[in-house]
Protein backbone atom coordinates (compact mmCIF):
# COMPACT_ATOMS: atom_id res chain seq x y z
CA MET A 1 -0.21 -0.30 -0.01
CA ARG A 2 2.58 2.24 0.68
CA THR A 3 4.33 1.97 -2.36
CA GLU A 4 1.04 3.05 -4.32
CA LEU A 5 1.30 6.52 -2.07
CA SER A 6 5.04 6.99 -2.93
CA ARG A 7 4.25 6.26 -6.59
CA GLY A 8 2.24 8.99 -7.06
CA LEU A 9 4.79 11.54 -5.64
CA PRO A 10 6.50 12.30 -8.72
CA LEU A 11 3.13 12.57 -10.58
CA VAL A 12 2.19 15.12 -8.37
CA VAL A 13 5.58 16.96 -8.99
CA LEU A 14 5.24 16.92 -12.63
CA PHE A 15 1.41 18.15 -12.77
CA VAL A 16 2.64 20.91 -10.49
CA LEU A 17 5.32 22.10 -12.82
CA GLY A 18 3.23 21.42 -15.77
CA LEU A 19 0.53 23.49 -14.09
CA GLY A 20 3.11 26.25 -13.62
CA ALA A 21 4.38 26.03 -16.79
CA GLY A 22 1.18 26.34 -18.35
CA ILE A 23 -0.28 29.66 -16.57
CA TRP A 24 2.93 31.13 -17.30
CA SER A 25 2.53 30.56 -21.12
CA PHE A 26 -0.93 31.72 -20.88
CA ILE A 27 -0.26 34.73 -18.92
CA SER A 28 3.01 35.61 -20.35
CA PRO A 29 1.59 37.97 -23.44
CA TRP A 30 0.04 40.18 -20.78
CA VAL A 31 2.65 39.99 -18.50
CA GLU A 32 5.44 41.03 -20.71
CA ARG A 33 3.16 43.31 -22.46
CA TYR A 34 3.56 42.23 -25.95
CA PRO A 35 2.64 44.70 -28.66
CA GLU A 36 -0.73 44.93 -29.38
CA ALA A 37 -1.19 47.44 -31.93
CA SER A 38 -1.57 45.32 -34.89
CA GLY A 39 -3.19 42.70 -32.88
CA TRP A 40 -1.31 39.66 -31.74
CA SER A 41 0.16 36.97 -34.31
CA ASN A 42 -1.11 33.60 -34.77
CA SER A 43 1.83 32.37 -32.94
CA VAL A 44 1.19 34.52 -30.05
CA TRP A 45 -2.17 32.82 -29.69
CA THR A 46 -1.16 29.36 -30.23
CA GLY A 47 1.12 29.90 -27.34
CA VAL A 48 -1.56 30.96 -25.12
CA TRP A 49 -4.05 28.03 -26.20
CA VAL A 50 -1.17 25.66 -25.58
CA GLY A 51 -0.96 27.25 -22.10
CA ALA A 52 -4.49 26.99 -21.60
CA VAL A 53 -4.35 23.29 -22.48
CA VAL A 54 -1.51 22.48 -20.61
CA ALA A 55 -2.60 24.31 -17.18
CA ALA A 56 -6.13 22.60 -17.35
CA THR A 57 -4.75 19.21 -18.51
CA SER A 58 -2.26 19.41 -15.76
CA ALA A 59 -4.94 20.44 -12.88
CA ILE A 60 -7.13 17.83 -14.02
CA SER A 61 -4.70 15.52 -13.76
CA LEU A 62 -2.98 16.84 -10.30
CA VAL A 63 -6.84 16.29 -8.99
CA VAL A 64 -7.01 12.86 -10.11
CA VAL A 65 -3.69 12.14 -8.60
CA LEU A 66 -4.40 13.61 -5.20
CA ALA A 67 -7.85 11.78 -4.90
CA ARG A 68 -6.84 8.52 -5.82
CA ALA A 69 -4.14 9.38 -2.72
CA LEU A 70 -6.69 10.22 -0.67
CA HIS A 71 -8.89 7.16 -1.72
CA LEU A 72 -6.07 4.62 -0.94
CA ALA A 73 -5.33 6.67 2.43
CA LEU A 74 -8.93 6.03 3.33
CA ASN A 75 -9.35 2.65 2.20
CA ARG A 76 -5.98 1.73 4.47
CA GLN A 77 -7.54 3.36 7.34
CA SER A 78 -10.90 1.42 7.08
CA ALA A 79 -9.12 -1.81 6.93
CA THR A 80 -6.89 -1.28 9.87
CA GLN A 81 -9.87 -0.25 11.70
CA GLN A 82 -11.78 -3.53 10.66
CA ILE A 83 -8.82 -5.32 11.58
CA ARG A 84 -9.14 -4.08 15.20
CA GLY A 85 -12.86 -3.71 15.70
């Protein structure tokens, strides 16, 4: 059981990094004040949309991994209580 929980830790780190990179890619045109005189180029919009997809995918995956870890921890706790009781 413990190995199941420890397997999720690298995924949590990976998805947190992915979430940060996705958010930065999404907001960087506004933070760095890209020129907007003639509108943004297609490459800027592609970066914004890719950042949104990476951030959303990482956030969803992070929730799934954390939910699975919580589920395993609660199952382990209930199994321990059943053995005692």
